Amino acid sequence: MVRAAARAKPLVPDAAWPVLTTFRSLLGDGPILATPPFRTVLVLAAHPDDETAGCGGTIALLADAGATVEVAIATSGEKTIGADLEPGEVARRREAEARRACGVLGARQPRFLSHPDGGLPASLDALARDLGALVADVQPEAIFLPWFLDGHDDHQALARALERAGVPDGVELWGYETWTPLPPNRLVDITATHDRKERALAAYETAHLAFDVSAMLGINRYRSAHAQLGKGYAEAFLAAPAAEWFALRRR
């Protein structure tokens, strides 16, 4: 069916391709392409802006569908490079920017766990306790977080701490990508919410002092090559039930 559709590509309306690519994905040809149906989601970030860069479009889709989206940020980004300010002022600004970004995306106002920026690998036990309390409070169906090989020590530490936090096996973990592309088994078409993701990322003015954060949006165009034949934007995830995800992380 997919090969026949490809041969007939000039005759296939653009609106039909998302349906065809979703059907193809469900047959096992590449990552599954679909918007997750979760009603209660916890999004974890190591620093303000990780949540938006990694899964901001999906956050907006879930919020628009009526899901409760809780965001928790492990640090306040007080060591942001390029900000010629005292760490306390940098943290205050970064937290305010995160609140604006979450408002744009439709998530609830973020919770800040106030662990040291750049120091999460040395704070695993304390971070695990905070994450355990957070999971018990929110009782999410799914947790979104940086995938376990993302190229930042704080991001990898967040995954290790979550494993110590006692996540129920039935909770799905969805690893998202920021610094390092992942091998996806899930794709979400965020074309409809990409403009909000872009506006939310632009709210992080302090982060832009370090580098042009909007460059991270480029991977969403790349991911659309599989999801929509390059006509849109998509976010990629490595998803599995908690026990399987943690086992894969250890391996």
C-alpha atoms as a PDB file:
ATOM      1  CA  MET A   1       0.000   0.000   0.000  1.00  0.00           C
ATOM      2  CA  VAL A   2       2.784   2.404   0.945  1.00  0.00           C
ATOM      3  CA  ARG A   3       4.782   1.614  -2.216  1.00  0.00           C
ATOM      4  CA  ALA A   4       1.681   2.147  -4.338  1.00  0.00           C
ATOM      5  CA  ALA A   5       1.064   5.475  -2.612  1.00  0.00           C
ATOM      6  CA  ALA A   6       4.663   6.508  -3.215  1.00  0.00           C
ATOM      7  CA  ARG A   7       4.336   5.773  -6.935  1.00  0.00           C
ATOM      8  CA  ALA A   8       1.132   7.778  -6.992  1.00  0.00           C
ATOM      9  CA  LYS A   9       2.684  10.598  -4.970  1.00  0.00           C
ATOM     10  CA  PRO A  10       1.776  13.383  -7.432  1.00  0.00           C
ATOM     11  CA  LEU A  11      -1.874  12.385  -7.097  1.00  0.00           C
ATOM     12  CA  VAL A  12      -1.954  12.111  -3.278  1.00  0.00           C
ATOM     13  CA  PRO A  13      -3.265  15.236  -1.496  1.00  0.00           C
ATOM     14  CA  ASP A  14      -0.852  16.694   1.060  1.00  0.00           C
ATOM     15  CA  ALA A  15      -3.468  16.245   3.784  1.00  0.00           C
ATOM     16  CA  ALA A  16      -3.449  12.475   3.218  1.00  0.00           C
ATOM     17  CA  TRP A  17       0.258  11.942   3.889  1.00  0.00           C
ATOM     18  CA  PRO A  18       0.075  12.136   7.717  1.00  0.00           C
ATOM     19  CA  VAL A  19      -2.536   9.355   7.654  1.00  0.00           C
ATOM     20  CA  LEU A  20      -0.452   7.219   5.282  1.00  0.00           C
ATOM     21  CA  THR A  21       2.785   7.701   7.216  1.00  0.00           C
ATOM     22  CA  THR A  22       1.034   6.929  10.508  1.00  0.00           C
ATOM     23  CA  PHE A  23      -0.402   3.742   9.009  1.00  0.00           C
ATOM     24  CA  ARG A  24       3.036   2.801   7.671  1.00  0.00           C
ATOM     25  CA  SER A  25       4.600   3.350  11.102  1.00  0.00           C
ATOM     26  CA  LEU A  26       2.035   1.119  12.776  1.00  0.00           C
ATOM     27  CA  LEU A  27       3.025  -1.668  10.402  1.00  0.00           C
ATOM     28  CA  GLY A  28       6.546  -1.487  11.793  1.00  0.00           C
ATOM     29  CA  ASP A  29       8.206   0.575   9.080  1.00  0.00           C
ATOM     30  CA  GLY A  30      10.092   3.060  11.265  1.00  0.00           C
ATOM     31  CA  PRO A  31       9.098   4.876  14.464  1.00  0.00           C
ATOM     32  CA  ILE A  32       5.434   5.031  15.383  1.00  0.00           C
ATOM     33  CA  LEU A  33       3.997   8.379  14.315  1.00  0.00           C
ATOM     34  CA  ALA A  34       1.179   9.514  16.588  1.00  0.00           C
ATOM     35  CA  THR A  35       0.287  12.040  19.262  1.00  0.00           C
ATOM     36  CA  PRO A  36       0.323  10.258  22.651  1.00  0.00           C
ATOM     37  CA  PRO A  37      -3.070  10.058  24.389  1.00  0.00           C
ATOM     38  CA  PHE A  38      -1.855  10.683  27.956  1.00  0.00           C
ATOM     39  CA  ARG A  39      -4.055  12.642  30.344  1.00  0.00           C
ATOM     40  CA  THR A  40      -1.465  13.373  33.036  1.00  0.00           C
ATOM     41  CA  VAL A  41       2.151  14.001  32.091  1.00  0.00           C
ATOM     42  CA  LEU A  42       5.255  15.020  34.007  1.00  0.00           C
ATOM     43  CA  VAL A  43       7.976  16.781  32.010  1.00  0.00           C
ATOM     44  CA  LEU A  44      11.424  16.864  33.602  1.00  0.00           C
ATOM     45  CA  ALA A  45      14.208  19.221  32.581  1.00  0.00           C
ATOM     46  CA  ALA A  46      17.699  19.721  33.922  1.00  0.00           C
ATOM     47  CA  HIS A  47      17.723  23.428  33.025  1.00  0.00           C
ATOM     48  CA  PRO A  48      15.142  26.005  31.972  1.00  0.00           C
ATOM     49  CA  ASP A  49      14.602  25.671  28.195  1.00  0.00           C
ATOM     50  CA  ASP A  50      15.357  21.910  27.978  1.00  0.00           C
ATOM     51  CA  GLU A  51      11.658  21.124  28.181  1.00  0.00           C
ATOM     52  CA  THR A  52      10.803  23.510  25.344  1.00  0.00           C
ATOM     53  CA  ALA A  53      13.693  22.543  23.075  1.00  0.00           C
ATOM     54  CA  GLY A  54      13.126  18.830  23.621  1.00  0.00           C
ATOM     55  CA  CYS A  55       9.348  18.434  23.602  1.00  0.00           C
ATOM     56  CA  GLY A  56       7.684  21.848  23.541  1.00  0.00           C
ATOM     57  CA  GLY A  57       5.524  21.025  20.540  1.00  0.00           C
ATOM     58  CA  THR A  58       4.277  17.817  22.146  1.00  0.00           C
ATOM     59  CA  ILE A  59       3.598  19.658  25.412  1.00  0.00           C
ATOM     60  CA  ALA A  60       1.382  22.081  23.493  1.00  0.00           C
ATOM     61  CA  LEU A  61      -0.450  19.267  21.683  1.00  0.00           C
ATOM     62  CA  LEU A  62      -1.127  17.459  24.953  1.00  0.00           C
ATOM     63  CA  ALA A  63      -2.289  20.643  26.687  1.00  0.00           C
ATOM     64  CA  ASP A  64      -4.586  21.480  23.770  1.00  0.00           C
ATOM     65  CA  ALA A  65      -6.115  17.993  24.067  1.00  0.00           C
ATOM     66  CA  GLY A  66      -6.952  18.654  27.723  1.00  0.00           C
ATOM     67  CA  ALA A  67      -4.063  16.829  29.388  1.00  0.00           C
ATOM     68  CA  THR A  68      -2.538  18.056  32.618  1.00  0.00           C
ATOM     69  CA  VAL A  69       1.121  18.804  31.889  1.00  0.00           C
ATOM     70  CA  GLU A  70       3.315  19.349  34.928  1.00  0.00           C
ATOM     71  CA  VAL A  71       6.853  20.656  34.380  1.00  0.00           C
ATOM     72  CA  ALA A  72       9.674  20.315  36.900  1.00  0.00           C
ATOM     73  CA  ILE A  73      13.126  21.820  36.366  1.00  0.00           C
ATOM     74  CA  ALA A  74      16.018  20.456  38.411  1.00  0.00           C
ATOM     75  CA  THR A  75      18.182  23.607  38.355  1.00  0.00           C
ATOM     76  CA  SER A  76      17.572  27.280  37.736  1.00  0.00           C
ATOM     77  CA  GLY A  77      20.302  27.632  35.120  1.00  0.00           C
ATOM     78  CA  GLU A  78      22.291  30.025  37.267  1.00  0.00           C
ATOM     79  CA  LYS A  79      25.565  29.174  35.513  1.00  0.00           C
ATOM     80  CA  THR A  80      24.354  30.276  32.090  1.00  0.00           C
ATOM     81  CA  ILE A  81      27.387  31.285  30.039  1.00  0.00           C
ATOM     82  CA  GLY A  82      27.366  34.849  28.760  1.00  0.00           C
ATOM     83  CA  ALA A  83      25.120  36.298  31.464  1.00  0.00           C
ATOM     84  CA  ASP A  84      27.245  39.001  33.141  1.00  0.00           C
ATOM     85  CA  LEU A  85      25.134  38.912  36.290  1.00  0.00           C
ATOM     86  CA  GLU A  86      25.225  37.434  39.766  1.00  0.00           C
ATOM     87  CA  PRO A  87      24.086  33.779  39.834  1.00  0.00           C
ATOM     88  CA  GLY A  88      21.040  34.667  41.923  1.00  0.00           C
ATOM     89  CA  GLU A  89      19.863  37.194  39.354  1.00  0.00           C
ATOM     90  CA  VAL A  90      20.515  34.768  36.498  1.00  0.00           C
ATOM     91  CA  ALA A  91      18.416  32.158  38.317  1.00  0.00           C
ATOM     92  CA  ARG A  92      15.601  34.655  38.889  1.00  0.00           C
ATOM     93  CA  ARG A  93      15.546  35.600  35.205  1.00  0.00           C
ATOM     94  CA  ARG A  94      15.748  32.016  33.994  1.00  0.00           C
ATOM     95  CA  GLU A  95      12.862  30.975  36.229  1.00  0.00           C
ATOM     96  CA  ALA A  96      10.747  33.884  34.989  1.00  0.00           C
ATOM     97  CA  GLU A  97      11.523  32.918  31.397  1.00  0.00           C
ATOM     98  CA  ALA A  98      10.499  29.325  32.097  1.00  0.00           C
ATOM     99  CA  ARG A  99       7.177  30.516  33.474  1.00  0.00           C
ATOM    100  CA  ARG A 100       6.533  32.533  30.322  1.00  0.00           C
ATOM    101  CA  ALA A 101       7.522  29.617  28.087  1.00  0.00           C
ATOM    102  CA  CYS A 102       5.249  27.168  29.900  1.00  0.00           C
ATOM    103  CA  GLY A 103       2.413  29.683  29.637  1.00  0.00           C
ATOM    104  CA  VAL A 104       2.869  29.845  25.858  1.00  0.00           C
ATOM    105  CA  LEU A 105       2.850  26.043  25.598  1.00  0.00           C
ATOM    106  CA  GLY A 106      -0.180  25.572  27.855  1.00  0.00           C
ATOM    107  CA  ALA A 107       1.606  23.639  30.608  1.00  0.00           C
ATOM    108  CA  ARG A 108       1.144  24.365  34.270  1.00  0.00           C
ATOM    109  CA  GLN A 109       3.581  26.764  35.871  1.00  0.00           C
ATOM    110  CA  PRO A 110       6.900  24.961  36.392  1.00  0.00           C
ATOM    111  CA  ARG A 111       8.246  23.691  39.677  1.00  0.00           C
ATOM    112  CA  PHE A 112      11.893  24.434  40.433  1.00  0.00           C
ATOM    113  CA  LEU A 113      13.827  21.853  42.433  1.00  0.00           C
ATOM    114  CA  SER A 114      16.746  24.271  42.986  1.00  0.00           C
ATOM    115  CA  HIS A 115      19.623  21.841  42.633  1.00  0.00           C
ATOM    116  CA  PRO A 116      23.003  23.297  41.581  1.00  0.00           C
ATOM    117  CA  ASP A 117      23.411  24.016  37.894  1.00  0.00           C
ATOM    118  CA  GLY A 118      26.210  21.785  36.642  1.00  0.00           C
ATOM    119  CA  GLY A 119      26.145  19.774  39.859  1.00  0.00           C
ATOM    120  CA  LEU A 120      23.460  17.151  39.318  1.00  0.00           C
ATOM    121  CA  PRO A 121      25.899  14.214  39.022  1.00  0.00           C
ATOM    122  CA  ALA A 122      27.073  14.984  42.562  1.00  0.00           C
ATOM    123  CA  SER A 123      23.501  15.375  43.885  1.00  0.00           C
ATOM    124  CA  LEU A 124      21.899  12.134  42.738  1.00  0.00           C
ATOM    125  CA  ASP A 125      20.514  11.014  46.094  1.00  0.00           C
ATOM    126  CA  ALA A 126      18.936  14.380  46.931  1.00  0.00           C
ATOM    127  CA  LEU A 127      17.604  14.729  43.396  1.00  0.00           C
ATOM    128  CA  ALA A 128      16.176  11.199  43.517  1.00  0.00           C
ATOM    129  CA  ARG A 129      14.305  12.029  46.731  1.00  0.00           C
ATOM    130  CA  ASP A 130      12.796  15.140  45.152  1.00  0.00           C
ATOM    131  CA  LEU A 131      11.834  13.240  42.006  1.00  0.00           C
ATOM    132  CA  GLY A 132      10.262  10.433  44.032  1.00  0.00           C
ATOM    133  CA  ALA A 133       8.101  12.937  45.903  1.00  0.00           C
ATOM    134  CA  LEU A 134       7.189  14.639  42.634  1.00  0.00           C
ATOM    135  CA  VAL A 135       6.139  11.393  40.938  1.00  0.00           C
ATOM    136  CA  ALA A 136       4.065  10.417  43.975  1.00  0.00           C
ATOM    137  CA  ASP A 137       2.331  13.798  43.897  1.00  0.00           C
ATOM    138  CA  VAL A 138       1.645  14.016  40.160  1.00  0.00           C
ATOM    139  CA  GLN A 139       1.047  10.289  39.508  1.00  0.00           C
ATOM    140  CA  PRO A 140       1.782  10.682  35.802  1.00  0.00           C
ATOM    141  CA  GLU A 141       0.947   8.212  33.069  1.00  0.00           C
ATOM    142  CA  ALA A 142       4.147   9.273  31.323  1.00  0.00           C
ATOM    143  CA  ILE A 143       7.339  11.132  32.166  1.00  0.00           C
ATOM    144  CA  PHE A 144       9.226  13.086  29.514  1.00  0.00           C
ATOM    145  CA  LEU A 145      12.916  13.733  30.208  1.00  0.00           C
ATOM    146  CA  PRO A 146      16.251  14.076  28.415  1.00  0.00           C
ATOM    147  CA  TRP A 147      17.213  10.713  26.969  1.00  0.00           C
ATOM    148  CA  PHE A 148      19.911   8.897  28.898  1.00  0.00           C
ATOM    149  CA  LEU A 149      22.775   9.537  26.438  1.00  0.00           C
ATOM    150  CA  ASP A 150      22.016  13.200  25.804  1.00  0.00           C
ATOM    151  CA  GLY A 151      25.304  15.076  25.658  1.00  0.00           C
ATOM    152  CA  HIS A 152      25.235  16.944  28.965  1.00  0.00           C
ATOM    153  CA  ASP A 153      26.241  15.571  32.371  1.00  0.00           C
ATOM    154  CA  ASP A 154      23.230  17.159  34.094  1.00  0.00           C
ATOM    155  CA  HIS A 155      20.870  15.585  31.558  1.00  0.00           C
ATOM    156  CA  GLN A 156      22.316  12.130  32.057  1.00  0.00           C
ATOM    157  CA  ALA A 157      22.248  12.592  35.839  1.00  0.00           C
ATOM    158  CA  LEU A 158      18.526  13.352  35.696  1.00  0.00           C
ATOM    159  CA  ALA A 159      17.887   9.952  34.123  1.00  0.00           C
ATOM    160  CA  ARG A 160      20.053   8.192  36.724  1.00  0.00           C
ATOM    161  CA  ALA A 161      18.321   9.975  39.592  1.00  0.00           C
ATOM    162  CA  LEU A 162      14.884   9.114  38.235  1.00  0.00           C
ATOM    163  CA  GLU A 163      15.819   5.439  38.247  1.00  0.00           C
ATOM    164  CA  ARG A 164      16.511   5.744  41.984  1.00  0.00           C
ATOM    165  CA  ALA A 165      13.232   7.570  42.573  1.00  0.00           C
ATOM    166  CA  GLY A 166      10.952   4.524  42.497  1.00  0.00           C
ATOM    167  CA  VAL A 167       8.957   5.105  39.306  1.00  0.00           C
ATOM    168  CA  PRO A 168       6.157   2.518  38.917  1.00  0.00           C
ATOM    169  CA  ASP A 169       6.897   0.056  36.114  1.00  0.00           C
ATOM    170  CA  GLY A 170       3.692   0.930  34.259  1.00  0.00           C
ATOM    171  CA  VAL A 171       4.661   4.566  33.764  1.00  0.00           C
ATOM    172  CA  GLU A 172       5.989   5.254  30.270  1.00  0.00           C
ATOM    173  CA  LEU A 173       9.247   7.173  29.936  1.00  0.00           C
ATOM    174  CA  TRP A 174       9.703   9.298  26.848  1.00  0.00           C
ATOM    175  CA  GLY A 175      13.294  10.412  26.335  1.00  0.00           C
ATOM    176  CA  TYR A 176      13.653  13.585  24.300  1.00  0.00           C
ATOM    177  CA  GLU A 177      16.672  15.016  22.485  1.00  0.00           C
ATOM    178  CA  THR A 178      18.391  18.358  22.992  1.00  0.00           C
ATOM    179  CA  TRP A 179      22.187  18.101  22.641  1.00  0.00           C
ATOM    180  CA  THR A 180      22.391  14.635  21.092  1.00  0.00           C
ATOM    181  CA  PRO A 181      20.086  13.007  18.510  1.00  0.00           C
ATOM    182  CA  LEU A 182      18.502   9.759  19.681  1.00  0.00           C
ATOM    183  CA  PRO A 183      17.416   6.541  17.933  1.00  0.00           C
ATOM    184  CA  PRO A 184      13.658   7.180  17.901  1.00  0.00           C
ATOM    185  CA  ASN A 185      10.817   4.730  18.222  1.00  0.00           C
ATOM    186  CA  ARG A 186       8.194   7.486  18.481  1.00  0.00           C
ATOM    187  CA  LEU A 187       7.599  10.590  16.371  1.00  0.00           C
ATOM    188  CA  VAL A 188       5.060  13.329  17.052  1.00  0.00           C
ATOM    189  CA  ASP A 189       3.940  15.680  14.294  1.00  0.00           C
ATOM    190  CA  ILE A 190       4.196  19.161  15.859  1.00  0.00           C
ATOM    191  CA  THR A 191       3.519  21.180  12.710  1.00  0.00           C
ATOM    192  CA  ALA A 192       0.357  22.632  14.268  1.00  0.00           C
ATOM    193  CA  THR A 193       2.171  23.813  17.406  1.00  0.00           C
ATOM    194  CA  HIS A 194       5.622  24.611  16.062  1.00  0.00           C
ATOM    195  CA  ASP A 195       4.984  28.355  16.084  1.00  0.00           C
ATOM    196  CA  ARG A 196       4.202  28.183  19.809  1.00  0.00           C
ATOM    197  CA  LYS A 197       7.341  26.151  20.434  1.00  0.00           C
ATOM    198  CA  GLU A 198       9.320  28.806  18.595  1.00  0.00           C
ATOM    199  CA  ARG A 199       7.738  31.597  20.663  1.00  0.00           C
ATOM    200  CA  ALA A 200       8.294  29.684  23.901  1.00  0.00           C
ATOM    201  CA  LEU A 201      11.947  29.138  23.070  1.00  0.00           C
ATOM    202  CA  ALA A 202      12.310  32.840  22.250  1.00  0.00           C
ATOM    203  CA  ALA A 203      11.181  33.606  25.809  1.00  0.00           C
ATOM    204  CA  TYR A 204      14.539  32.290  27.027  1.00  0.00           C
ATOM    205  CA  GLU A 205      16.383  35.547  26.431  1.00  0.00           C
ATOM    206  CA  THR A 206      19.059  34.804  29.033  1.00  0.00           C
ATOM    207  CA  ALA A 207      19.867  31.446  27.460  1.00  0.00           C
ATOM    208  CA  HIS A 208      20.352  33.238  24.144  1.00  0.00           C
ATOM    209  CA  LEU A 209      23.335  35.024  25.699  1.00  0.00           C
ATOM    210  CA  ALA A 210      25.178  31.700  25.564  1.00  0.00           C
ATOM    211  CA  PHE A 211      24.174  30.710  22.005  1.00  0.00           C
ATOM    212  CA  ASP A 212      21.306  30.997  19.553  1.00  0.00           C
ATOM    213  CA  VAL A 213      18.905  28.568  21.192  1.00  0.00           C
ATOM    214  CA  SER A 214      16.614  28.665  18.160  1.00  0.00           C
ATOM    215  CA  ALA A 215      19.207  26.569  16.306  1.00  0.00           C
ATOM    216  CA  MET A 216      17.825  23.573  18.203  1.00  0.00           C
ATOM    217  CA  LEU A 217      14.625  23.861  16.200  1.00  0.00           C
ATOM    218  CA  GLY A 218      16.484  22.582  13.147  1.00  0.00           C
ATOM    219  CA  ILE A 219      16.211  18.975  14.270  1.00  0.00           C
ATOM    220  CA  ASN A 220      12.423  19.227  14.150  1.00  0.00           C
ATOM    221  CA  ARG A 221      12.621  19.938  10.432  1.00  0.00           C
ATOM    222  CA  TYR A 222      14.951  16.958  10.010  1.00  0.00           C
ATOM    223  CA  ARG A 223      12.597  14.651  11.908  1.00  0.00           C
ATOM    224  CA  SER A 224       9.757  15.671   9.590  1.00  0.00           C
ATOM    225  CA  ALA A 225      11.490  13.884   6.705  1.00  0.00           C
ATOM    226  CA  HIS A 226      10.177  10.599   8.065  1.00  0.00           C
ATOM    227  CA  ALA A 227       6.979  11.917   9.621  1.00  0.00           C
ATOM    228  CA  GLN A 228       5.637  14.151   6.833  1.00  0.00           C
ATOM    229  CA  LEU A 229       8.033  13.733   3.900  1.00  0.00           C
ATOM    230  CA  GLY A 230       9.772  16.902   5.060  1.00  0.00           C
ATOM    231  CA  LYS A 231       6.672  19.090   4.998  1.00  0.00           C
ATOM    232  CA  GLY A 232       6.450  20.235   8.565  1.00  0.00           C
ATOM    233  CA  TYR A 233       8.013  19.626  11.952  1.00  0.00           C
ATOM    234  CA  ALA A 234       8.258  16.636  14.279  1.00  0.00           C
ATOM    235  CA  GLU A 235       9.744  15.722  17.641  1.00  0.00           C
ATOM    236  CA  ALA A 236      11.461  12.390  18.194  1.00  0.00           C
ATOM    237  CA  PHE A 237      11.458  10.232  21.326  1.00  0.00           C
ATOM    238  CA  LEU A 238      12.866   7.002  22.699  1.00  0.00           C
ATOM    239  CA  ALA A 239       9.934   5.623  24.680  1.00  0.00           C
ATOM    240  CA  ALA A 240       9.322   2.516  26.772  1.00  0.00           C
ATOM    241  CA  PRO A 241       7.739   1.422  30.062  1.00  0.00           C
ATOM    242  CA  ALA A 242       9.905   2.535  32.975  1.00  0.00           C
ATOM    243  CA  ALA A 243      11.478  -0.844  33.760  1.00  0.00           C
ATOM    244  CA  GLU A 244      12.485  -1.400  30.118  1.00  0.00           C
ATOM    245  CA  TRP A 245      13.746   2.169  29.687  1.00  0.00           C
ATOM    246  CA  PHE A 246      15.942   1.958  32.782  1.00  0.00           C
ATOM    247  CA  ALA A 247      17.272  -1.454  31.749  1.00  0.00           C
ATOM    248  CA  LEU A 248      18.210  -0.018  28.380  1.00  0.00           C
ATOM    249  CA  ARG A 249      19.907   2.933  30.098  1.00  0.00           C
ATOM    250  CA  ARG A 250      22.022   0.561  32.207  1.00  0.00           C
ATOM    251  CA  ARG A 251      23.053  -1.444  29.149  1.00  0.00           C
END
